[in-house]
Structure formats: C-alpha cells, structure tokens
C-alpha cells in the first residue's frame, strides 16, 4: 500500500467517523529566518514524530501586519511529512492574485486551505497599507468550488477556451459563535450558511471561552443540517496577549475579564501560571470532544511542543476519568450581557433587541425598488424602456448617470460602483459604509457591535443593516446563496440603473442564468 501524503492524512482524519482531528496554529514572524522560524520548524518536526496533530495551520499576515508568506513555510512543513493548512486571506490580494496563488498552491500540492477575509491591513512600509478585499470568503469559496471541475471559466476570461485542470482543494471557513450582540451573532450564522453552501468543506470556530456558545454552534449546525466537520478553537494565552485581548486590540476576540483575573491569580505560582493555563486548555479540549466536535484547533503564544504534548496527555486523562459537567463549569467564562441564540442553552439571554418599525426612508426605498426595479412592478416596463433607449445615446446616458449620481449620493453616500447592492443591505451602501466593502455579510472582526477598523467609534456596517430591519425570528435566517458575485470594476463610475436594465450587473436581468 503506498504511503499517504501529508494532506491525505489530514483529510482522512477529518472525514473518518469517530476520529477526533487535532490541528495547531503557527504564526510566522516578519522576515525570512531567525530564531522564531527555527523554533517553528522544530515544533513541526516534533509534532510529526508525535503523530497526534494532523495538520499545522499557517497564518497569513495576522493582525494586518506583514509576515512570511504561509506558502513558503507550508512547503518546508510539508517536506517534514506533516500536513500544512494554509490560511488564504483576501485583505492583500485582488481576484487575479487570488487565482494565481491558488494555481501556486495546487502546483506545490498545498491543497488544504482555510479561507478567510483577514484582518484589516495595518502599518507597513511608509505607513498604512491599502486594503484590497476584492473578493470576500464566500466568493473565493465559490471560485474554489468551480475549480474542482475542469470546465473553463467565463468565456471572456483569458485562456477560458482551454479547460483548467481539476484542482482538488480542501477548503475550510471560519465562524465566530462568540459575538455579544444579537445583530452580530445572527449575521455570523447567516454567513456561515452561505459559506458552506458556497463550497466550504469544514468549519473552524473563532477562539472563545464561553462554553455555552460552543454548544450553540453545534446546535445551530445540527439544526441547519450542515454536514461538514466542525472544529472548535482552543487558545492558550499568555498574560501579555490576554491583556491585549481584553483591551479589544485583537480583532473580533471577546476575552472575558473574569478569565484575566483568574490568570493574574495564577501568575503568583512559581511557574507564573503556565501549568494552570495548559490544564485549562486540556480541560476545554476534553469538554469539546465530549460535546461532539469533530476536532480541536489549538493555538497560543510561546508554546513549544513539549507543552502541547503535556496538554494532550492531560486532555486524554480527563476524557477517560473526569466528570465533564464539573470540568465544563471550571473552564466556562461567559461575558455579561451576551445574547444567546438558543434559550435552551441554559444561559440567561441578554435582553433581545425589540423589533421596531423600520425607518420611513427604508419603506419608501423598498416601495420604489419594488415598483421600478422588480419585473412584476407596475413601473418596471416604463423604467426599463426609458433606460434601454437612453443607454446607447452618449449624451443622454451622461445626463441619466449624472441624475443617478446626485440622487444616490444625497440619499445613500453612493460611490457609483456601477453594480448596486443597496436592496441586499436594507438600502445602506457597503461601498461607503464598510471599510472592507463586504457585500455578503460581515467579517468576524467586530467587537461589542463596533467596526474592527473604528473600535468604539462606528458601529459595524452590518449591525446597522440589521438594526434598520431586524430579522423577526432568529431561526428565520436569510440564506444568501449563491453569494453575491464580485463586482465587475469595469462598471465603476457608470450608471447602476442602466447596468441593471441592460443585464450588465450582478442581476444579469434577462439572461438565462437569472431566469427561474
């Protein structure tokens, strides 16, 4: 029997019934070498010898700062015989670079990918880096799903007449069950549905310390029939990292003050609380395995493999001998005023936001949209006729576009992207309202309802969308599938109304693909 490749070992473990899959997250530093990288490779060598960790995930510029590319380190780890799990983030690359790097990964058999939007870019060479976010994670997952077949891409794409080889990627996605507000949490789960339907093969949770929130993710997954492996994150923080997380300086991480207080007490021990942190991680792992997760994604700072081996040994001991209910209480650190999706979780739910009447402007916009832009609207035939007659006449088209620009700039702070998605975001513009320009729901970087880029200053754009017209029942999540496609930036500056009626925007009005 031929030896399995490292990527095959990870896949077999992930999809094998009754096998619990362990992964560990590596964070490359800035630069191409040095003590940190040497320590990372030493960790990989020891993990390979131990055999319990099936894949080492490699972050892609975490925190928005430049670091060694994950593919570079991935090749070295793959050569050691352990599977790399490449983080594939979208903050620094447009769609062409994303596709190019997919080709690179496939060429080198780096087939295990964790798809995510990524943290907003921060300071780099000569100041603040420009964010890209040309694609979001559901759109990239849809592209990867398409590359699984050997069919060509769009007819107008260069080289489209020559079929691409089938690319057997294993693509995962992330979700945070640890959001504190109703709006944030609802949209996290709604976007998870979109990601899985777009082609995600497995799911890894954000890190957290509220065990009831871990239970809710499992319950939501089962009720939604998400038949993909679900992996929980267990993070072992040091004091410096914990302090930063409590201050909200790590995007999307909700770190409970009660846990920080516990860690400060533990720090008085001779080992500065190191064993207590490792035992807490071991207990969390044992509880999550007992809950029914398919695996655990481990992470932490300043951890050599001997510490992880100790954690795994202790977790195995707890699994065999301990009372899981008691252990769960020991490692459960909820955050006050947190909203829970399922009251049956046993946690007291924070007061649910009252579903109030949507603003009058929302209703006016909805009525105009229904009348003029929906094929069954009574103004639709006239609006379409006027638009199609104006489209080929340059002077009239300019006047038409100017009128649209003035109206939508005043009402929506429109950026004239040429492919309007106002109707899909409750008539708030993501191009002007979201720093990452997300059109398929929020990223995971919000905290306490505030935007990752403007913490404590601006509400997350998608929280505003939800507050404008909340979902009346949390269990009636809107499923956006297929996801809204990437914008065609050739339309930038043109009239989205003309593009809609002529079939040039994402609606493809009148095309075969848009017909029921």
Protein backbone atom coordinates (compact mmCIF):
# COMPACT_ATOMS: atom_id res chain seq x y z
CA UNK A 1 0.00 0.00 0.00
CA UNK A 2 1.53 3.38 -0.99
CA UNK A 3 2.35 5.87 1.72
CA UNK A 4 -0.23 8.59 2.23
CA UNK A 5 0.73 12.19 1.51
CA UNK A 6 0.53 14.54 4.49
CA UNK A 7 -2.54 16.27 3.05
CA UNK A 8 -4.26 12.89 2.67
CA UNK A 9 -3.58 12.09 6.34
CA UNK A 10 -5.31 15.28 7.41
CA UNK A 11 -8.27 14.64 5.11
CA UNK A 12 -8.64 11.04 6.19
CA UNK A 13 -8.64 12.03 9.83
CA UNK A 14 -11.11 14.88 9.26
CA UNK A 15 -13.69 12.74 7.48
CA UNK A 16 -13.16 9.45 9.30
CA UNK A 17 -16.08 8.52 11.52
CA UNK A 18 -15.29 8.64 15.25
CA UNK A 19 -11.81 10.14 14.76
CA UNK A 20 -11.01 13.40 16.58
CA UNK A 21 -8.78 15.66 14.48
CA UNK A 22 -6.20 17.92 16.09
CA UNK A 23 -4.55 20.89 14.40
CA UNK A 24 -2.22 23.59 15.68
CA UNK A 25 -1.81 27.18 14.52
CA UNK A 26 1.63 28.55 13.62
CA UNK A 27 2.25 32.29 13.31
CA UNK A 28 5.22 33.16 11.05
CA UNK A 29 7.12 36.26 12.09
CA UNK A 30 8.33 39.12 9.98
CA UNK A 31 11.37 38.21 7.92
CA UNK A 32 12.64 35.10 6.20
CA UNK A 33 14.53 33.44 9.03
CA UNK A 34 15.74 33.76 12.59
CA UNK A 35 15.15 32.07 15.93
CA UNK A 36 11.35 32.26 15.71
CA UNK A 37 11.26 30.42 12.39
CA UNK A 38 13.79 27.86 13.62
CA UNK A 39 11.55 27.21 16.63
CA UNK A 40 8.52 26.85 14.38
CA UNK A 41 10.23 24.21 12.24
CA UNK A 42 11.43 22.41 15.36
CA UNK A 43 7.82 22.34 16.59
CA UNK A 44 6.75 20.82 13.26
CA UNK A 45 9.42 18.11 13.45
CA UNK A 46 8.36 17.10 16.97
CA UNK A 47 4.67 17.20 16.06
CA UNK A 48 5.36 14.85 13.14
CA UNK A 49 7.16 12.39 15.41
CA UNK A 50 4.36 12.52 17.98
CA UNK A 51 1.66 11.90 15.37
CA UNK A 52 -1.37 13.25 17.21
CA UNK A 53 -1.54 16.60 15.38
CA UNK A 54 -2.76 16.01 11.83
CA UNK A 55 -2.16 19.47 10.37
CA UNK A 56 -0.29 22.67 11.17
CA UNK A 57 -2.16 25.78 10.09
CA UNK A 58 -0.10 28.77 8.96
CA UNK A 59 -1.47 32.28 9.35
CA UNK A 60 -1.45 34.87 6.57
CA UNK A 61 -0.31 38.28 7.87
CA UNK A 62 -2.33 38.11 11.11
CA UNK A 63 -3.33 41.42 12.64
CA UNK A 64 -2.83 43.03 9.25
CA UNK A 65 0.96 43.13 9.62
CA UNK A 66 3.48 41.79 7.05
CA UNK A 67 4.96 38.36 7.77
CA UNK A 68 6.49 35.41 5.96
CA UNK A 69 4.07 34.08 3.33
CA UNK A 70 2.27 30.93 4.51
CA UNK A 71 3.04 29.06 1.28
CA UNK A 72 6.78 29.41 1.91
CA UNK A 73 6.60 27.91 5.38
CA UNK A 74 3.97 25.43 4.18
CA UNK A 75 6.40 23.88 1.69
CA UNK A 76 9.00 23.32 4.42
CA UNK A 77 6.44 21.80 6.78
CA UNK A 78 5.11 19.58 4.01
CA UNK A 79 8.66 18.35 3.36
CA UNK A 80 8.82 17.29 7.02
CA UNK A 81 5.84 14.99 6.42
CA UNK A 82 3.08 16.84 8.27
CA UNK A 83 0.12 18.49 6.56
CA UNK A 84 0.14 22.28 6.24
CA UNK A 85 -3.20 24.10 6.43
CA UNK A 86 -2.65 27.34 4.53
CA UNK A 87 -4.58 30.39 5.67
CA UNK A 88 -5.79 32.07 2.50
CA UNK A 89 -6.85 35.63 3.36
CA UNK A 90 -8.15 38.26 0.97
CA UNK A 91 -7.14 41.57 2.50
CA UNK A 92 -3.97 41.95 0.42
CA UNK A 93 -4.88 40.42 -2.93
CA UNK A 94 -7.33 41.06 -5.73
CA UNK A 95 -9.16 38.29 -7.57
CA UNK A 96 -6.40 37.80 -10.13
CA UNK A 97 -3.73 37.41 -7.46
CA UNK A 98 -6.04 35.09 -5.50
CA UNK A 99 -6.49 32.85 -8.53
CA UNK A 100 -2.76 32.97 -9.25
CA UNK A 101 -1.95 31.88 -5.70
CA UNK A 102 -4.49 29.07 -5.97
CA UNK A 103 -2.56 27.85 -9.01
CA UNK A 104 0.66 28.12 -6.99
CA UNK A 105 -0.81 26.15 -4.09
CA UNK A 106 -2.09 23.44 -6.42
CA UNK A 107 1.24 23.27 -8.23
CA UNK A 108 3.01 22.55 -4.92
CA UNK A 109 0.23 20.26 -3.61
CA UNK A 110 -0.62 22.69 -0.82
CA UNK A 111 -4.24 21.61 -1.04
CA UNK A 112 -5.59 22.33 2.45
CA UNK A 113 -6.83 25.91 2.68
CA UNK A 114 -8.56 27.94 5.38
CA UNK A 115 -10.40 30.73 3.57
CA UNK A 116 -10.96 33.98 5.43
CA UNK A 117 -11.28 37.69 4.73
CA UNK A 118 -8.42 38.60 7.03
CA UNK A 119 -7.65 41.41 9.44
CA UNK A 120 -7.68 44.96 8.11
CA UNK A 121 -4.16 45.87 6.87
CA UNK A 122 -2.12 47.99 9.26
CA UNK A 123 1.17 49.84 9.24
CA UNK A 124 3.72 48.71 6.67
CA UNK A 125 6.43 50.22 4.50
CA UNK A 126 5.96 54.02 4.65
CA UNK A 127 2.72 53.89 6.58
CA UNK A 128 -0.77 52.45 6.32
CA UNK A 129 -1.20 49.73 3.71
CA UNK A 130 -4.10 49.91 1.25
CA UNK A 131 -6.78 47.28 1.90
CA UNK A 132 -7.89 45.21 -1.09
CA UNK A 133 -10.80 42.88 -0.22
CA UNK A 134 -11.66 42.48 -3.90
CA UNK A 135 -13.29 39.14 -3.02
CA UNK A 136 -14.88 38.01 0.20
CA UNK A 137 -14.68 34.50 1.64
CA UNK A 138 -17.96 33.16 0.14
CA UNK A 139 -16.88 34.40 -3.30
CA UNK A 140 -13.47 32.74 -3.04
CA UNK A 141 -15.07 29.52 -1.81
CA UNK A 142 -17.34 29.64 -4.86
CA UNK A 143 -14.28 30.07 -7.10
CA UNK A 144 -12.50 27.13 -5.44
CA UNK A 145 -15.64 25.02 -5.84
CA UNK A 146 -15.67 25.89 -9.53
CA UNK A 147 -12.01 24.92 -9.89
CA UNK A 148 -12.88 21.44 -8.65
CA UNK A 149 -14.18 20.76 -12.15
CA UNK A 150 -12.12 21.01 -15.33
CA UNK A 151 -14.59 23.30 -17.07
CA UNK A 152 -13.33 26.66 -18.35
CA UNK A 153 -14.23 29.88 -16.58
CA UNK A 154 -16.19 32.75 -18.14
CA UNK A 155 -15.95 32.99 -21.91
CA UNK A 156 -14.34 36.43 -21.75
CA UNK A 157 -11.61 35.32 -19.32
CA UNK A 158 -8.11 35.00 -20.85
CA UNK A 159 -7.41 31.36 -21.63
CA UNK A 160 -11.00 30.38 -20.93
CA UNK A 161 -11.22 28.30 -24.10
CA UNK A 162 -8.56 25.98 -22.67
CA UNK A 163 -10.05 23.95 -19.78
CA UNK A 164 -8.26 24.26 -16.47
CA UNK A 165 -7.18 21.06 -14.73
CA UNK A 166 -9.41 19.97 -11.86
CA UNK A 167 -7.98 21.21 -8.57
CA UNK A 168 -8.73 19.05 -5.55
CA UNK A 169 -8.55 21.65 -2.78
CA UNK A 170 -9.93 21.04 0.70
CA UNK A 171 -11.26 24.47 1.66
CA UNK A 172 -12.45 25.40 5.13
CA UNK A 173 -14.04 28.51 6.57
CA UNK A 174 -14.34 30.23 9.94
CA UNK A 175 -17.23 31.43 12.10
CA UNK A 176 -17.49 33.19 15.44
CA UNK A 177 -20.18 31.96 17.84
CA UNK A 178 -18.88 34.39 20.48
CA UNK A 179 -20.49 37.66 19.41
CA UNK A 180 -22.06 39.62 22.23
CA UNK A 181 -24.90 41.35 20.37
CA UNK A 182 -27.88 39.88 18.58
CA UNK A 183 -27.13 41.57 15.25
CA UNK A 184 -23.52 40.36 15.15
CA UNK A 185 -24.39 36.78 16.07
CA UNK A 186 -27.32 36.43 13.70
CA UNK A 187 -25.22 37.55 10.75
CA UNK A 188 -22.31 35.27 11.72
CA UNK A 189 -24.61 32.26 11.44
CA UNK A 190 -26.32 33.53 8.30
CA UNK A 191 -22.93 33.98 6.62
CA UNK A 192 -21.85 30.52 7.78
CA UNK A 193 -24.78 29.07 5.84
CA UNK A 194 -23.64 30.96 2.76
CA UNK A 195 -20.04 29.79 3.14
CA UNK A 196 -20.96 26.12 3.49
CA UNK A 197 -23.34 26.27 0.55
CA UNK A 198 -20.66 28.06 -1.48
CA UNK A 199 -18.35 25.07 -1.02
CA UNK A 200 -16.68 25.08 2.41
CA UNK A 201 -15.66 21.52 3.34
CA UNK A 202 -15.09 22.12 7.06
CA UNK A 203 -15.56 24.86 9.66
CA UNK A 204 -13.21 26.17 12.36
CA UNK A 205 -14.61 28.37 15.10
CA UNK A 206 -13.10 31.59 16.38
CA UNK A 207 -11.42 31.25 19.77
CA UNK A 208 -13.51 31.88 22.85
CA UNK A 209 -14.12 30.88 26.45
CA UNK A 210 -17.92 30.71 26.80
CA UNK A 211 -18.71 27.02 26.71
CA UNK A 212 -22.43 27.59 26.11
CA UNK A 213 -21.52 29.47 22.95
CA UNK A 214 -19.58 26.42 21.79
CA UNK A 215 -22.71 24.35 22.43
CA UNK A 216 -24.82 26.81 20.45
CA UNK A 217 -22.59 26.46 17.39
CA UNK A 218 -23.04 22.70 17.50
CA UNK A 219 -26.79 23.03 17.96
CA UNK A 220 -27.10 25.52 15.12
CA UNK A 221 -25.02 23.30 12.86
CA UNK A 222 -27.22 20.28 13.56
CA UNK A 223 -30.50 22.15 13.19
CA UNK A 224 -29.27 23.64 9.89
CA UNK A 225 -28.09 20.22 8.60
CA UNK A 226 -24.56 21.46 7.98
CA UNK A 227 -22.99 18.13 7.20
CA UNK A 228 -19.37 19.27 7.37
CA UNK A 229 -16.76 18.64 10.08
CA UNK A 230 -16.87 21.25 12.85
CA UNK A 231 -13.65 22.11 14.67
CA UNK A 232 -13.50 24.22 17.84
CA UNK A 233 -10.62 26.56 18.62
CA UNK A 234 -8.82 26.28 21.94
CA UNK A 235 -6.35 29.08 22.63
CA UNK A 236 -3.81 29.14 25.47
CA UNK A 237 -2.97 32.81 26.05
CA UNK A 238 -0.05 34.30 27.90
CA UNK A 239 -0.58 37.35 30.10
CA UNK A 240 0.53 39.93 27.51
CA UNK A 241 -1.77 38.55 24.85
CA UNK A 242 -4.64 38.25 27.33
CA UNK A 243 -4.20 41.91 28.30
CA UNK A 244 -4.31 42.95 24.64
CA UNK A 245 -7.41 40.85 24.01
CA UNK A 246 -9.27 42.28 27.00
CA UNK A 247 -8.49 45.77 25.69
CA UNK A 248 -10.06 44.81 22.34
CA UNK A 249 -6.80 45.13 20.42
CA UNK A 250 -7.11 41.76 18.68
CA UNK A 251 -9.87 41.96 16.01
CA UNK A 252 -13.01 40.00 16.82
CA UNK A 253 -11.76 38.41 20.05
CA UNK A 254 -14.03 38.64 23.09
CA UNK A 255 -11.81 37.92 26.10
CA UNK A 256 -13.63 37.77 29.45
CA UNK A 257 -12.35 39.93 32.31
CA UNK A 258 -13.11 37.07 34.71
CA UNK A 259 -10.54 34.86 32.95
CA UNK A 260 -7.92 37.60 33.02
CA UNK A 261 -8.49 37.97 36.77
CA UNK A 262 -8.05 34.20 37.18
CA UNK A 263 -4.81 34.31 35.19
CA UNK A 264 -3.47 37.12 37.38
CA UNK A 265 -4.08 34.98 40.46
CA UNK A 266 -2.38 32.01 38.80
CA UNK A 267 0.63 34.13 37.93
CA UNK A 268 1.66 34.18 41.60
CA UNK A 269 2.62 30.49 41.32
CA UNK A 270 6.25 29.51 40.91
CA UNK A 271 5.79 28.73 37.20
CA UNK A 272 3.93 32.03 36.61
CA UNK A 273 0.69 30.14 35.98
CA UNK A 274 1.93 28.17 32.98
CA UNK A 275 0.67 24.76 34.14
CA UNK A 276 -2.72 26.21 35.07
CA UNK A 277 -3.11 27.64 31.55
CA UNK A 278 -2.17 24.33 29.96
CA UNK A 279 -4.52 22.36 32.20
CA UNK A 280 -7.35 24.75 31.35
CA UNK A 281 -6.68 24.15 27.66
CA UNK A 282 -6.65 20.38 28.25
CA UNK A 283 -9.97 20.56 30.08
CA UNK A 284 -11.51 22.64 27.29
CA UNK A 285 -10.32 20.10 24.72
CA UNK A 286 -11.81 17.23 26.73
CA UNK A 287 -15.15 19.04 27.13
CA UNK A 288 -15.36 19.96 23.43
CA UNK A 289 -14.64 16.40 22.41
CA UNK A 290 -17.38 15.24 24.79
CA UNK A 291 -19.79 17.82 23.28
CA UNK A 292 -19.44 16.24 19.86
CA UNK A 293 -17.00 18.41 17.94
CA UNK A 294 -15.05 16.68 15.18
CA UNK A 295 -11.76 18.16 16.30
CA UNK A 296 -9.94 20.98 18.04
CA UNK A 297 -7.75 23.70 16.59
CA UNK A 298 -5.07 24.56 19.15
CA UNK A 299 -3.20 27.83 19.39
CA UNK A 300 -1.26 30.02 21.78
CA UNK A 301 1.88 32.05 22.21
CA UNK A 302 5.29 30.88 23.40
CA UNK A 303 4.36 27.20 23.31
CA UNK A 304 6.95 24.60 22.39
CA UNK A 305 5.79 21.11 21.53
CA UNK A 306 6.58 19.65 24.95
CA UNK A 307 3.87 21.90 26.42
CA UNK A 308 1.36 20.84 23.77
CA UNK A 309 2.23 17.17 24.39
CA UNK A 310 1.57 17.72 28.10
CA UNK A 311 -1.78 19.36 27.26
CA UNK A 312 -2.79 16.45 25.02
CA UNK A 313 -1.80 13.88 27.62
CA UNK A 314 -3.84 15.65 30.29
CA UNK A 315 -6.83 16.03 27.96
CA UNK A 316 -6.78 12.30 27.30
CA UNK A 317 -6.72 11.63 31.04
CA UNK A 318 -9.65 13.98 31.65
CA UNK A 319 -11.62 12.35 28.83
CA UNK A 320 -11.26 8.91 30.44
CA UNK A 321 -11.79 9.74 34.10
CA UNK A 322 -13.39 13.11 34.76
CA UNK A 323 -16.93 14.38 35.23
CA UNK A 324 -17.46 16.53 32.16
CA UNK A 325 -20.17 18.69 33.69
CA UNK A 326 -17.87 19.69 36.54
CA UNK A 327 -14.96 20.34 34.21
CA UNK A 328 -17.13 22.42 31.93
CA UNK A 329 -18.01 24.71 34.82
CA UNK A 330 -14.30 25.11 35.62
CA UNK A 331 -13.43 26.37 32.13
CA UNK A 332 -16.61 28.35 31.40
CA UNK A 333 -16.06 32.12 31.30
CA UNK A 334 -19.12 33.88 29.88
CA UNK A 335 -19.21 37.61 29.21
CA UNK A 336 -22.03 39.54 30.91
CA UNK A 337 -24.86 40.88 28.71
CA UNK A 338 -24.17 38.37 25.95
CA UNK A 339 -27.05 37.48 23.62
CA UNK A 340 -27.71 33.76 23.04
CA UNK A 341 -29.45 32.28 20.03
CA UNK A 342 -30.96 29.33 21.88
CA UNK A 343 -32.57 29.97 25.28
CA UNK A 344 -32.45 26.22 25.84
CA UNK A 345 -28.67 26.54 26.22
CA UNK A 346 -29.37 27.21 29.88
CA UNK A 347 -27.70 30.62 29.92
CA UNK A 348 -29.76 33.67 30.75
CA UNK A 349 -30.21 35.53 27.50
CA UNK A 350 -29.42 39.23 27.37
CA UNK A 351 -32.40 41.38 26.56
CA UNK A 352 -33.29 40.89 22.92
CA UNK A 353 -33.48 44.00 20.82
CA UNK A 354 -37.10 44.98 20.28
CA UNK A 355 -38.20 44.64 16.68
CA UNK A 356 -39.38 48.15 15.97
CA UNK A 357 -40.85 49.57 12.81
CA UNK A 358 -38.21 50.17 10.15
CA UNK A 359 -37.48 53.83 9.31
CA UNK A 360 -39.86 55.50 6.88
CA UNK A 361 -37.00 56.00 4.42
CA UNK A 362 -36.47 52.23 4.31
CA UNK A 363 -40.13 51.66 3.40
CA UNK A 364 -40.05 54.39 0.75
CA UNK A 365 -36.91 52.90 -0.82
CA UNK A 366 -38.40 49.42 -0.72
CA UNK A 367 -41.59 50.58 -2.43
CA UNK A 368 -39.66 52.41 -5.16
CA UNK A 369 -37.47 49.36 -5.70
CA UNK A 370 -40.44 47.01 -5.88
CA UNK A 371 -42.31 49.25 -8.31
CA UNK A 372 -39.48 50.20 -10.68
CA UNK A 373 -36.81 47.51 -10.38
CA UNK A 374 -38.73 44.27 -9.93
CA UNK A 375 -40.07 42.69 -13.13
CA UNK A 376 -43.58 42.49 -11.66
CA UNK A 377 -43.57 46.15 -10.53
CA UNK A 378 -46.07 48.38 -12.32
CA UNK A 379 -43.34 50.96 -13.21
CA UNK A 380 -40.85 48.35 -14.36
CA UNK A 381 -41.83 48.26 -18.09
CA UNK A 382 -41.61 52.05 -18.40
CA UNK A 383 -38.34 52.31 -16.42
CA UNK A 384 -36.75 49.57 -18.49
CA UNK A 385 -37.89 51.06 -21.81
CA UNK A 386 -36.53 54.53 -20.92
CA UNK A 387 -33.24 53.07 -19.70
CA UNK A 388 -32.65 50.85 -22.71
CA UNK A 389 -33.35 53.74 -25.07
CA UNK A 390 -31.02 56.05 -23.16
CA UNK A 391 -28.18 53.54 -22.91
CA UNK A 392 -26.80 53.73 -26.49
CA UNK A 393 -27.05 57.56 -26.71
CA UNK A 394 -23.89 59.02 -25.17
CA UNK A 395 -25.20 62.47 -24.20
CA UNK A 396 -28.45 61.16 -22.77
CA UNK A 397 -26.55 58.39 -20.98
CA UNK A 398 -24.31 61.01 -19.33
CA UNK A 399 -27.33 63.05 -18.20
CA UNK A 400 -29.02 59.87 -16.91
CA UNK A 401 -25.85 58.92 -15.00
CA UNK A 402 -25.47 62.42 -13.53
CA UNK A 403 -29.04 62.35 -12.24
CA UNK A 404 -28.44 58.96 -10.60
CA UNK A 405 -25.18 60.17 -9.08
CA UNK A 406 -26.82 63.23 -7.49
CA UNK A 407 -29.83 61.31 -6.13
CA UNK A 408 -27.87 58.40 -4.70
CA UNK A 409 -25.01 60.49 -3.32
CA UNK A 410 -27.54 62.53 -1.35
CA UNK A 411 -29.58 59.57 -0.11
CA UNK A 412 -27.01 56.77 0.20
CA UNK A 413 -23.50 58.30 0.03
CA UNK A 414 -23.17 56.37 -3.24
CA UNK A 415 -19.69 55.67 -4.68
CA UNK A 416 -21.04 54.84 -8.17
CA UNK A 417 -19.60 51.34 -8.29
CA UNK A 418 -21.91 50.57 -11.22
CA UNK A 419 -23.29 47.38 -9.64
CA UNK A 420 -25.62 48.43 -6.85
CA UNK A 421 -26.39 46.12 -3.91
CA UNK A 422 -28.44 48.58 -1.84
CA UNK A 423 -31.50 46.34 -1.98
CA UNK A 424 -29.49 43.46 -0.46
CA UNK A 425 -28.32 45.57 2.51
CA UNK A 426 -31.51 47.36 3.55
CA UNK A 427 -30.64 50.44 1.48
CA UNK A 428 -27.34 51.17 3.17
CA UNK A 429 -24.30 51.29 0.91
CA UNK A 430 -21.46 48.85 1.78
CA UNK A 431 -19.08 50.69 -0.55
CA UNK A 432 -19.25 53.81 1.59
CA UNK A 433 -20.27 52.25 4.89
CA UNK A 434 -17.99 49.20 5.31
CA UNK A 435 -14.17 49.64 5.31
CA UNK A 436 -13.84 46.13 3.85
CA UNK A 437 -16.67 46.67 1.31
CA UNK A 438 -18.35 43.42 2.42
CA UNK A 439 -21.48 42.65 0.38
CA UNK A 440 -22.23 39.10 1.61
CA UNK A 441 -22.45 39.89 5.30
CA UNK A 442 -19.95 40.96 7.95
CA UNK A 443 -16.40 39.90 8.64
CA UNK A 444 -15.60 38.47 12.06
CA UNK A 445 -13.68 41.49 13.33
CA UNK A 446 -16.44 43.41 15.10
CA UNK A 447 -16.44 43.73 18.88
CA UNK A 448 -19.41 44.77 21.02
CA UNK A 449 -21.14 45.78 17.81
CA UNK A 450 -18.39 48.16 16.70
CA UNK A 451 -16.37 48.02 13.49
CA UNK A 452 -12.92 46.39 13.61
CA UNK A 453 -11.37 49.44 11.91
CA UNK A 454 -13.09 52.03 14.13
CA UNK A 455 -13.47 50.29 17.53
CA UNK A 456 -15.71 52.16 19.93
CA UNK A 457 -16.41 54.82 17.31
CA UNK A 458 -18.52 53.36 14.50
CA UNK A 459 -20.99 50.54 14.59
CA UNK A 460 -20.27 47.64 12.27
CA UNK A 461 -21.96 48.33 8.93
CA UNK A 462 -23.88 45.05 9.10
CA UNK A 463 -25.08 45.82 12.62
CA UNK A 464 -26.60 48.98 11.13
CA UNK A 465 -28.14 46.88 8.37
CA UNK A 466 -29.70 44.55 10.93
CA UNK A 467 -30.89 47.38 13.18
CA UNK A 468 -32.61 49.03 10.23
CA UNK A 469 -34.78 45.98 9.59
CA UNK A 470 -34.11 43.12 12.05
CA UNK A 471 -34.92 39.53 11.29
CA UNK A 472 -38.13 38.97 13.21
CA UNK A 473 -37.16 35.49 14.37
CA UNK A 474 -33.52 34.40 14.93
CA UNK A 475 -34.35 30.99 13.45
CA UNK A 476 -35.52 32.55 10.17
CA UNK A 477 -32.04 33.35 8.94
CA UNK A 478 -31.85 34.69 5.42
CA UNK A 479 -29.74 32.39 3.28
CA UNK A 480 -27.83 34.22 0.59
CA UNK A 481 -26.89 31.52 -1.83
CA UNK A 482 -25.33 31.71 -4.24
CA UNK A 483 -23.42 34.61 -2.72
CA UNK A 484 -23.47 37.95 -4.48
CA UNK A 485 -20.68 37.72 -7.08
CA UNK A 486 -17.64 40.00 -7.11
CA UNK A 487 -18.17 43.41 -8.63
CA UNK A 488 -17.05 43.99 -12.20
CA UNK A 489 -14.86 47.06 -11.72
CA UNK A 490 -15.13 47.89 -15.41
CA UNK A 491 -18.53 49.30 -14.42
CA UNK A 492 -17.03 51.73 -11.90
CA UNK A 493 -18.43 55.25 -12.44
CA UNK A 494 -21.24 54.14 -14.73
CA UNK A 495 -24.98 54.09 -14.03
CA UNK A 496 -26.04 51.07 -11.99
CA UNK A 497 -29.62 51.62 -13.20
CA UNK A 498 -28.57 51.32 -16.83
CA UNK A 499 -26.37 48.35 -16.00
CA UNK A 500 -29.28 46.66 -14.22
CA UNK A 501 -31.80 47.06 -17.04
CA UNK A 502 -29.24 46.14 -19.70
CA UNK A 503 -28.15 42.97 -17.82
CA UNK A 504 -24.58 44.08 -17.11
CA UNK A 505 -24.72 43.98 -13.30
CA UNK A 506 -24.85 41.01 -10.92
CA UNK A 507 -28.59 40.51 -11.53
CA UNK A 508 -27.96 39.64 -15.21
CA UNK A 509 -31.50 40.76 -15.98
CA UNK A 510 -32.91 38.89 -18.94
CA UNK A 511 -30.08 36.34 -19.08
CA UNK A 512 -30.77 32.64 -18.94
CA UNK A 513 -28.91 32.35 -15.64
CA UNK A 514 -31.31 34.73 -13.93
CA UNK A 515 -34.49 33.02 -15.05
CA UNK A 516 -36.27 30.72 -12.58
